[in-house]
C-alpha atoms as a PDB file:
ATOM      1  CA  MET A   1      -0.173  -0.093   0.043  1.00  0.00           C
ATOM      2  CA  SER A   2       1.509   3.250  -0.808  1.00  0.00           C
ATOM      3  CA  THR A   3       2.287   5.565   1.937  1.00  0.00           C
ATOM      4  CA  GLU A   4      -0.534   8.112   0.377  1.00  0.00           C
ATOM      5  CA  ASN A   5      -3.144   5.621   1.207  1.00  0.00           C
ATOM      6  CA  THR A   6      -1.780   5.311   4.865  1.00  0.00           C
ATOM      7  CA  GLN A   7      -0.665   8.507   6.035  1.00  0.00           C
ATOM      8  CA  LYS A   8      -3.186  10.678   8.155  1.00  0.00           C
ATOM      9  CA  VAL A   9      -4.391  13.881   6.761  1.00  0.00           C
ATOM     10  CA  ALA A  10      -5.675  17.272   8.969  1.00  0.00           C
ATOM     11  CA  VAL A  11      -7.377  20.001   7.190  1.00  0.00           C
ATOM     12  CA  ILE A  12      -6.781  23.356   9.234  1.00  0.00           C
ATOM     13  CA  THR A  13      -8.331  26.337   8.493  1.00  0.00           C
ATOM     14  CA  GLY A  14      -7.103  30.138   9.217  1.00  0.00           C
ATOM     15  CA  ALA A  15      -3.901  28.607   8.687  1.00  0.00           C
ATOM     16  CA  SER A  16      -1.664  31.429   7.205  1.00  0.00           C
ATOM     17  CA  GLN A  17      -0.752  32.741  10.578  1.00  0.00           C
ATOM     18  CA  GLY A  18      -1.305  32.586  14.216  1.00  0.00           C
ATOM     19  CA  ILE A  19      -2.864  29.419  15.909  1.00  0.00           C
ATOM     20  CA  GLY A  20      -3.392  28.623  12.763  1.00  0.00           C
ATOM     21  CA  ALA A  21       0.190  28.085  11.458  1.00  0.00           C
ATOM     22  CA  GLY A  22       1.319  26.434  14.578  1.00  0.00           C
ATOM     23  CA  LEU A  23      -1.127  24.299  13.918  1.00  0.00           C
ATOM     24  CA  VAL A  24       0.111  23.398  10.564  1.00  0.00           C
ATOM     25  CA  GLU A  25       3.430  22.785  11.959  1.00  0.00           C
ATOM     26  CA  GLY A  26       2.370  20.929  14.731  1.00  0.00           C
ATOM     27  CA  TYR A  27       0.678  18.171  12.611  1.00  0.00           C
ATOM     28  CA  ARG A  28       3.156  18.275  10.250  1.00  0.00           C
ATOM     29  CA  LYS A  29       5.541  17.055  12.857  1.00  0.00           C
ATOM     30  CA  LEU A  30       3.201  14.298  13.535  1.00  0.00           C
ATOM     31  CA  GLY A  31       3.662  13.029  10.364  1.00  0.00           C
ATOM     32  CA  TYR A  32       0.433  14.407   8.672  1.00  0.00           C
ATOM     33  CA  GLY A  33      -0.532  15.536   5.562  1.00  0.00           C
ATOM     34  CA  VAL A  34      -2.125  18.695   5.838  1.00  0.00           C
ATOM     35  CA  VAL A  35      -4.621  20.414   3.721  1.00  0.00           C
ATOM     36  CA  ALA A  36      -4.227  24.270   4.936  1.00  0.00           C
ATOM     37  CA  VAL A  37      -7.045  26.733   4.320  1.00  0.00           C
ATOM     38  CA  SER A  38      -7.094  30.503   4.448  1.00  0.00           C
ATOM     39  CA  ARG A  39      -8.377  33.567   2.008  1.00  0.00           C
ATOM     40  CA  THR A  40      -4.633  34.562   2.020  1.00  0.00           C
ATOM     41  CA  ILE A  41      -2.015  31.633   2.207  1.00  0.00           C
ATOM     42  CA  ALA A  42       0.780  30.883   0.271  1.00  0.00           C
ATOM     43  CA  ALA A  43       1.805  27.603  -1.627  1.00  0.00           C
ATOM     44  CA  SER A  44       4.278  25.572   0.485  1.00  0.00           C
ATOM     45  CA  ALA A  45       7.389  24.430  -0.660  1.00  0.00           C
ATOM     46  CA  ASP A  46       6.852  21.451   1.731  1.00  0.00           C
ATOM     47  CA  PRO A  47       5.153  18.467  -0.723  1.00  0.00           C
ATOM     48  CA  ASP A  48       3.145  17.374   2.140  1.00  0.00           C
ATOM     49  CA  ILE A  49       0.926  20.540   2.608  1.00  0.00           C
ATOM     50  CA  VAL A  50      -1.530  21.584   0.071  1.00  0.00           C
ATOM     51  CA  THR A  51      -2.657  25.123   0.271  1.00  0.00           C
ATOM     52  CA  VAL A  52      -6.369  26.088  -0.267  1.00  0.00           C
ATOM     53  CA  GLN A  53      -7.014  29.981  -0.577  1.00  0.00           C
ATOM     54  CA  GLY A  54     -10.531  30.777  -0.026  1.00  0.00           C
ATOM     55  CA  ASP A  55     -13.192  32.313   2.496  1.00  0.00           C
ATOM     56  CA  ILE A  56     -14.945  29.616   4.716  1.00  0.00           C
ATOM     57  CA  ALA A  57     -17.909  31.887   4.872  1.00  0.00           C
ATOM     58  CA  ASP A  58     -18.256  30.384   1.127  1.00  0.00           C
ATOM     59  CA  ALA A  59     -20.004  27.020   0.615  1.00  0.00           C
ATOM     60  CA  GLY A  60     -17.776  26.541  -2.310  1.00  0.00           C
ATOM     61  CA  THR A  61     -14.676  26.253  -0.081  1.00  0.00           C
ATOM     62  CA  ALA A  62     -15.667  23.401   1.666  1.00  0.00           C
ATOM     63  CA  GLU A  63     -16.000  21.771  -1.444  1.00  0.00           C
ATOM     64  CA  ARG A  64     -12.961  22.611  -3.013  1.00  0.00           C
ATOM     65  CA  VAL A  65     -10.682  22.118   0.292  1.00  0.00           C
ATOM     66  CA  THR A  66     -12.317  18.208   0.509  1.00  0.00           C
ATOM     67  CA  ARG A  67     -11.311  17.418  -3.273  1.00  0.00           C
ATOM     68  CA  ALA A  68      -7.718  18.885  -2.761  1.00  0.00           C
ATOM     69  CA  ALA A  69      -7.422  16.564   0.576  1.00  0.00           C
ATOM     70  CA  LEU A  70      -8.908  13.984  -1.678  1.00  0.00           C
ATOM     71  CA  ASP A  71      -6.735  14.255  -4.632  1.00  0.00           C
ATOM     72  CA  ARG A  72      -3.112  14.855  -3.035  1.00  0.00           C
ATOM     73  CA  PHE A  73      -3.474  12.600  -0.279  1.00  0.00           C
ATOM     74  CA  GLY A  74      -6.744  10.263  -0.609  1.00  0.00           C
ATOM     75  CA  ARG A  75      -8.314  10.693   2.599  1.00  0.00           C
ATOM     76  CA  ILE A  76      -8.982  13.328   5.510  1.00  0.00           C
ATOM     77  CA  ASP A  77      -8.877  12.036   9.659  1.00  0.00           C
ATOM     78  CA  THR A  78      -8.885  15.381  11.100  1.00  0.00           C
ATOM     79  CA  LEU A  79     -10.668  18.403  10.715  1.00  0.00           C
ATOM     80  CA  VAL A  80      -9.699  21.824  12.859  1.00  0.00           C
ATOM     81  CA  ASN A  81     -11.894  24.273  12.467  1.00  0.00           C
ATOM     82  CA  ASN A  82      -9.743  27.615  12.920  1.00  0.00           C
ATOM     83  CA  ALA A  83     -10.479  30.058  11.257  1.00  0.00           C
ATOM     84  CA  GLY A  84     -12.447  32.837  13.076  1.00  0.00           C
ATOM     85  CA  ILE A  85     -13.330  36.377  13.412  1.00  0.00           C
ATOM     86  CA  PHE A  86     -13.824  38.365  16.344  1.00  0.00           C
ATOM     87  CA  ILE A  87     -15.578  41.715  16.659  1.00  0.00           C
ATOM     88  CA  ALA A  88     -15.973  43.388  20.347  1.00  0.00           C
ATOM     89  CA  LYS A  89     -18.468  46.580  20.433  1.00  0.00           C
ATOM     90  CA  PRO A  90     -21.176  46.897  23.229  1.00  0.00           C
ATOM     91  CA  PHE A  91     -24.053  44.867  21.963  1.00  0.00           C
ATOM     92  CA  THR A  92     -26.368  48.038  20.194  1.00  0.00           C
ATOM     93  CA  ASP A  93     -23.117  49.141  18.124  1.00  0.00           C
ATOM     94  CA  TYR A  94     -23.128  45.811  16.047  1.00  0.00           C
ATOM     95  CA  THR A  95     -24.154  46.407  12.483  1.00  0.00           C
ATOM     96  CA  ALA A  96     -25.979  44.141  10.222  1.00  0.00           C
ATOM     97  CA  ASP A  97     -22.640  43.944   8.002  1.00  0.00           C
ATOM     98  CA  ASP A  98     -20.964  43.108  11.757  1.00  0.00           C
ATOM     99  CA  PHE A  99     -23.986  40.336  12.422  1.00  0.00           C
ATOM    100  CA  ALA A 100     -23.687  38.599   8.691  1.00  0.00           C
ATOM    101  CA  GLN A 101     -19.775  38.690   8.748  1.00  0.00           C
ATOM    102  CA  VAL A 102     -19.101  36.946  12.028  1.00  0.00           C
ATOM    103  CA  THR A 103     -22.169  34.137  11.630  1.00  0.00           C
ATOM    104  CA  ALA A 104     -21.073  33.737   8.452  1.00  0.00           C
ATOM    105  CA  ILE A 105     -17.609  33.048   8.898  1.00  0.00           C
ATOM    106  CA  ASN A 106     -17.974  31.550  12.592  1.00  0.00           C
ATOM    107  CA  VAL A 107     -21.161  29.786  12.383  1.00  0.00           C
ATOM    108  CA  GLY A 108     -21.216  29.030   7.918  1.00  0.00           C
ATOM    109  CA  GLY A 109     -17.823  28.271   7.767  1.00  0.00           C
ATOM    110  CA  PHE A 110     -18.055  25.640  10.836  1.00  0.00           C
ATOM    111  CA  PHE A 111     -21.037  23.900   9.135  1.00  0.00           C
ATOM    112  CA  HIS A 112     -19.620  24.056   5.530  1.00  0.00           C
ATOM    113  CA  LEU A 113     -16.621  22.184   6.121  1.00  0.00           C
ATOM    114  CA  THR A 114     -17.544  19.828   8.915  1.00  0.00           C
ATOM    115  CA  GLN A 115     -20.627  18.277   6.945  1.00  0.00           C
ATOM    116  CA  ARG A 116     -18.822  18.103   3.716  1.00  0.00           C
ATOM    117  CA  VAL A 117     -15.314  16.261   5.643  1.00  0.00           C
ATOM    118  CA  LEU A 118     -17.206  14.136   7.399  1.00  0.00           C
ATOM    119  CA  PRO A 119     -18.316  11.321   5.218  1.00  0.00           C
ATOM    120  CA  HIS A 120     -14.860  11.275   4.231  1.00  0.00           C
ATOM    121  CA  LEU A 121     -13.622  10.498   8.388  1.00  0.00           C
ATOM    122  CA  LEU A 122     -16.145   7.897   8.262  1.00  0.00           C
ATOM    123  CA  ALA A 123     -14.977   6.402   5.396  1.00  0.00           C
ATOM    124  CA  VAL A 124     -11.868   5.727   7.424  1.00  0.00           C
ATOM    125  CA  GLY A 125     -13.223   3.878   9.639  1.00  0.00           C
ATOM    126  CA  GLY A 126     -13.521   7.050  11.917  1.00  0.00           C
ATOM    127  CA  GLY A 127     -11.631  10.819  12.444  1.00  0.00           C
ATOM    128  CA  HIS A 128     -11.457  14.051  14.851  1.00  0.00           C
ATOM    129  CA  ILE A 129     -13.203  16.888  14.393  1.00  0.00           C
ATOM    130  CA  VAL A 130     -11.852  19.726  16.445  1.00  0.00           C
ATOM    131  CA  SER A 131     -12.996  23.853  16.681  1.00  0.00           C
ATOM    132  CA  ILE A 132     -11.314  27.119  18.168  1.00  0.00           C
ATOM    133  CA  THR A 133     -13.803  28.824  20.545  1.00  0.00           C
ATOM    134  CA  THR A 134     -13.310  31.413  23.211  1.00  0.00           C
ATOM    135  CA  ALA A 135     -13.480  31.076  27.049  1.00  0.00           C
ATOM    136  CA  LEU A 136     -15.870  33.880  26.830  1.00  0.00           C
ATOM    137  CA  VAL A 137     -18.601  32.004  25.636  1.00  0.00           C
ATOM    138  CA  ASP A 138     -18.252  30.657  29.056  1.00  0.00           C
ATOM    139  CA  GLN A 139     -17.393  33.453  31.308  1.00  0.00           C
ATOM    140  CA  ALA A 140     -18.392  36.564  30.085  1.00  0.00           C
ATOM    141  CA  ASP A 141     -16.353  39.635  30.903  1.00  0.00           C
ATOM    142  CA  LYS A 142     -17.493  42.795  30.925  1.00  0.00           C
ATOM    143  CA  ASN A 143     -14.382  44.775  29.948  1.00  0.00           C
ATOM    144  CA  VAL A 144     -14.402  42.356  26.373  1.00  0.00           C
ATOM    145  CA  PRO A 145     -18.467  42.675  25.365  1.00  0.00           C
ATOM    146  CA  SER A 146     -18.419  40.282  22.792  1.00  0.00           C
ATOM    147  CA  VAL A 147     -21.974  38.871  22.176  1.00  0.00           C
ATOM    148  CA  LEU A 148     -21.248  37.893  18.369  1.00  0.00           C
ATOM    149  CA  ALA A 149     -18.756  35.705  19.634  1.00  0.00           C
ATOM    150  CA  SER A 150     -20.686  34.233  22.374  1.00  0.00           C
ATOM    151  CA  LEU A 151     -23.806  33.799  20.110  1.00  0.00           C
ATOM    152  CA  THR A 152     -21.350  32.208  17.331  1.00  0.00           C
ATOM    153  CA  LYS A 153     -18.662  30.174  19.080  1.00  0.00           C
ATOM    154  CA  GLY A 154     -21.209  29.299  21.708  1.00  0.00           C
ATOM    155  CA  GLY A 155     -23.325  27.561  19.232  1.00  0.00           C
ATOM    156  CA  ILE A 156     -20.463  25.509  18.371  1.00  0.00           C
ATOM    157  CA  ASN A 157     -19.645  24.336  21.421  1.00  0.00           C
ATOM    158  CA  SER A 158     -22.804  23.562  21.867  1.00  0.00           C
ATOM    159  CA  ALA A 159     -22.717  21.473  18.100  1.00  0.00           C
ATOM    160  CA  THR A 160     -19.741  20.046  19.533  1.00  0.00           C
ATOM    161  CA  LYS A 161     -21.261  18.009  22.168  1.00  0.00           C
ATOM    162  CA  SER A 162     -24.029  17.262  19.702  1.00  0.00           C
ATOM    163  CA  LEU A 163     -21.643  15.917  17.085  1.00  0.00           C
ATOM    164  CA  ALA A 164     -19.737  13.500  19.553  1.00  0.00           C
ATOM    165  CA  ILE A 165     -23.090  12.211  20.637  1.00  0.00           C
ATOM    166  CA  GLU A 166     -24.729  11.665  17.165  1.00  0.00           C
ATOM    167  CA  TYR A 167     -20.951  10.061  16.072  1.00  0.00           C
ATOM    168  CA  ALA A 168     -19.728   8.836  19.325  1.00  0.00           C
ATOM    169  CA  SER A 169     -20.111   5.212  18.617  1.00  0.00           C
ATOM    170  CA  ARG A 170     -19.058   5.312  14.840  1.00  0.00           C
ATOM    171  CA  GLY A 171     -15.646   6.217  15.557  1.00  0.00           C
ATOM    172  CA  VAL A 172     -15.848  10.233  14.870  1.00  0.00           C
ATOM    173  CA  ARG A 173     -14.835  11.944  18.018  1.00  0.00           C
ATOM    174  CA  VAL A 174     -15.430  16.186  18.353  1.00  0.00           C
ATOM    175  CA  ASN A 175     -13.863  18.398  20.912  1.00  0.00           C
ATOM    176  CA  ALA A 176     -13.114  21.995  20.936  1.00  0.00           C
ATOM    177  CA  VAL A 177     -10.729  24.210  22.395  1.00  0.00           C
ATOM    178  CA  ALA A 178     -11.512  27.511  24.535  1.00  0.00           C
ATOM    179  CA  PRO A 179      -8.683  29.335  24.389  1.00  0.00           C
ATOM    180  CA  GLY A 180      -7.912  33.244  26.592  1.00  0.00           C
ATOM    181  CA  ILE A 181      -6.754  36.158  24.950  1.00  0.00           C
ATOM    182  CA  ILE A 182      -3.796  34.426  22.617  1.00  0.00           C
ATOM    183  CA  LYS A 183      -0.483  36.446  21.326  1.00  0.00           C
ATOM    184  CA  THR A 184      -0.832  36.154  17.441  1.00  0.00           C
ATOM    185  CA  PRO A 185      -0.849  39.350  14.957  1.00  0.00           C
ATOM    186  CA  MET A 186      -4.686  39.264  15.330  1.00  0.00           C
ATOM    187  CA  HIS A 187      -3.844  40.894  18.804  1.00  0.00           C
ATOM    188  CA  PRO A 188      -1.499  44.956  18.375  1.00  0.00           C
ATOM    189  CA  VAL A 189       1.503  44.619  21.075  1.00  0.00           C
ATOM    190  CA  GLU A 190       0.675  47.571  22.661  1.00  0.00           C
ATOM    191  CA  TYR A 191      -2.516  46.167  24.072  1.00  0.00           C
ATOM    192  CA  HIS A 192      -0.770  43.061  25.192  1.00  0.00           C
ATOM    193  CA  GLU A 193      -0.390  44.417  29.019  1.00  0.00           C
ATOM    194  CA  THR A 194      -3.903  45.170  29.452  1.00  0.00           C
ATOM    195  CA  TYR A 195      -5.017  41.845  27.866  1.00  0.00           C
ATOM    196  CA  ALA A 196      -2.666  39.613  30.025  1.00  0.00           C
ATOM    197  CA  GLY A 197      -4.510  41.566  33.154  1.00  0.00           C
ATOM    198  CA  LEU A 198      -7.816  40.062  31.977  1.00  0.00           C
ATOM    199  CA  HIS A 199      -6.349  36.295  32.903  1.00  0.00           C
ATOM    200  CA  PRO A 200      -5.897  35.434  36.617  1.00  0.00           C
ATOM    201  CA  VAL A 201      -2.721  34.015  35.612  1.00  0.00           C
ATOM    202  CA  GLY A 202      -1.422  37.492  34.718  1.00  0.00           C
ATOM    203  CA  ARG A 203      -0.520  36.821  31.233  1.00  0.00           C
ATOM    204  CA  MET A 204      -1.481  36.237  27.740  1.00  0.00           C
ATOM    205  CA  GLY A 205      -1.513  32.306  26.177  1.00  0.00           C
ATOM    206  CA  GLU A 206       0.726  31.567  23.236  1.00  0.00           C
ATOM    207  CA  THR A 207       0.208  29.502  20.250  1.00  0.00           C
ATOM    208  CA  SER A 208       1.929  26.853  21.647  1.00  0.00           C
ATOM    209  CA  ASP A 209      -0.203  26.471  24.427  1.00  0.00           C
ATOM    210  CA  ILE A 210      -3.229  26.342  22.345  1.00  0.00           C
ATOM    211  CA  VAL A 211      -1.273  24.003  19.265  1.00  0.00           C
ATOM    212  CA  GLY A 212      -0.329  21.406  22.335  1.00  0.00           C
ATOM    213  CA  ALA A 213      -4.074  21.255  23.322  1.00  0.00           C
ATOM    214  CA  VAL A 214      -4.983  20.771  20.318  1.00  0.00           C
ATOM    215  CA  LEU A 215      -2.603  18.023  19.752  1.00  0.00           C
ATOM    216  CA  TYR A 216      -3.557  16.261  23.009  1.00  0.00           C
ATOM    217  CA  LEU A 217      -7.018  15.828  21.685  1.00  0.00           C
ATOM    218  CA  GLU A 218      -5.802  14.351  18.696  1.00  0.00           C
ATOM    219  CA  SER A 219      -3.593  11.294  20.607  1.00  0.00           C
ATOM    220  CA  ALA A 220      -6.861  11.075  23.545  1.00  0.00           C
ATOM    221  CA  PRO A 221      -9.046   8.281  21.999  1.00  0.00           C
ATOM    222  CA  PHE A 222     -11.449   8.339  24.790  1.00  0.00           C
ATOM    223  CA  VAL A 223     -12.009  12.063  24.964  1.00  0.00           C
ATOM    224  CA  THR A 224     -14.965  13.333  23.036  1.00  0.00           C
ATOM    225  CA  GLY A 225     -17.382  16.082  23.350  1.00  0.00           C
ATOM    226  CA  GLU A 226     -14.981  17.896  25.537  1.00  0.00           C
ATOM    227  CA  ILE A 227     -14.652  21.760  25.726  1.00  0.00           C
ATOM    228  CA  LEU A 228     -11.160  22.253  27.016  1.00  0.00           C
ATOM    229  CA  HIS A 229     -10.404  25.815  28.707  1.00  0.00           C
ATOM    230  CA  VAL A 230      -6.851  26.704  27.447  1.00  0.00           C
ATOM    231  CA  ASP A 231      -7.425  29.781  29.740  1.00  0.00           C
ATOM    232  CA  GLY A 232      -5.245  31.049  32.113  1.00  0.00           C
ATOM    233  CA  GLY A 233      -7.579  30.563  34.694  1.00  0.00           C
ATOM    234  CA  GLN A 234     -10.432  32.689  32.956  1.00  0.00           C
ATOM    235  CA  ASN A 235     -13.284  29.548  33.009  1.00  0.00           C
ATOM    236  CA  ALA A 236     -12.572  29.217  37.092  1.00  0.00           C
ATOM    237  CA  GLY A 237     -13.698  32.804  37.864  1.00  0.00           C
ATOM    238  CA  HIS A 238     -12.269  36.198  38.165  1.00  0.00           C
END
């Protein structure tokens, strides 16, 4: 049997920078082939990384991503729904465009790609879906008004549990990681001290904290339906 048919394959969205780029590196170190998805991602020199440019809010992107994985590797074993958008505003300041954009990316992207990939996980006898949400879903913070994050990412937390139960007997595990505020290009350096103070441990998280959590879940066959908080203590209280 060829390597192409036995090598495990992960699809990772939001893969061009920050947590997503760290996840690509982490899965490659495990020996996985990777399909890396982002609106702006460049081609990779690594033959075991296939890049797909596209907006995950578009259902057509999910079809192209799935096809790219099957054309190059012949299978899909893991989907990491990492791409998302976060807009922090007082509730009444949100615009119709804010609502449309956040729901299209956070909910639509999760729905389209997860629905498209799931049959291929079943085809290889099981697999893993893990989504990146936010600790704010479970512990709102008056300093970070973010109803649209709670509305959309909270829905993904609930969907994670629902899918985990629906597919538990069919070999597909479904989990989520709920981060605190992570040092990524999304957060300007001048705000890092303020953001650090929002965490009981007194610092922001690192990309490696989230990558490590996802890879733990990847290696944990008895864990499904779990929302793993990697948030410097935010979920415990303030």
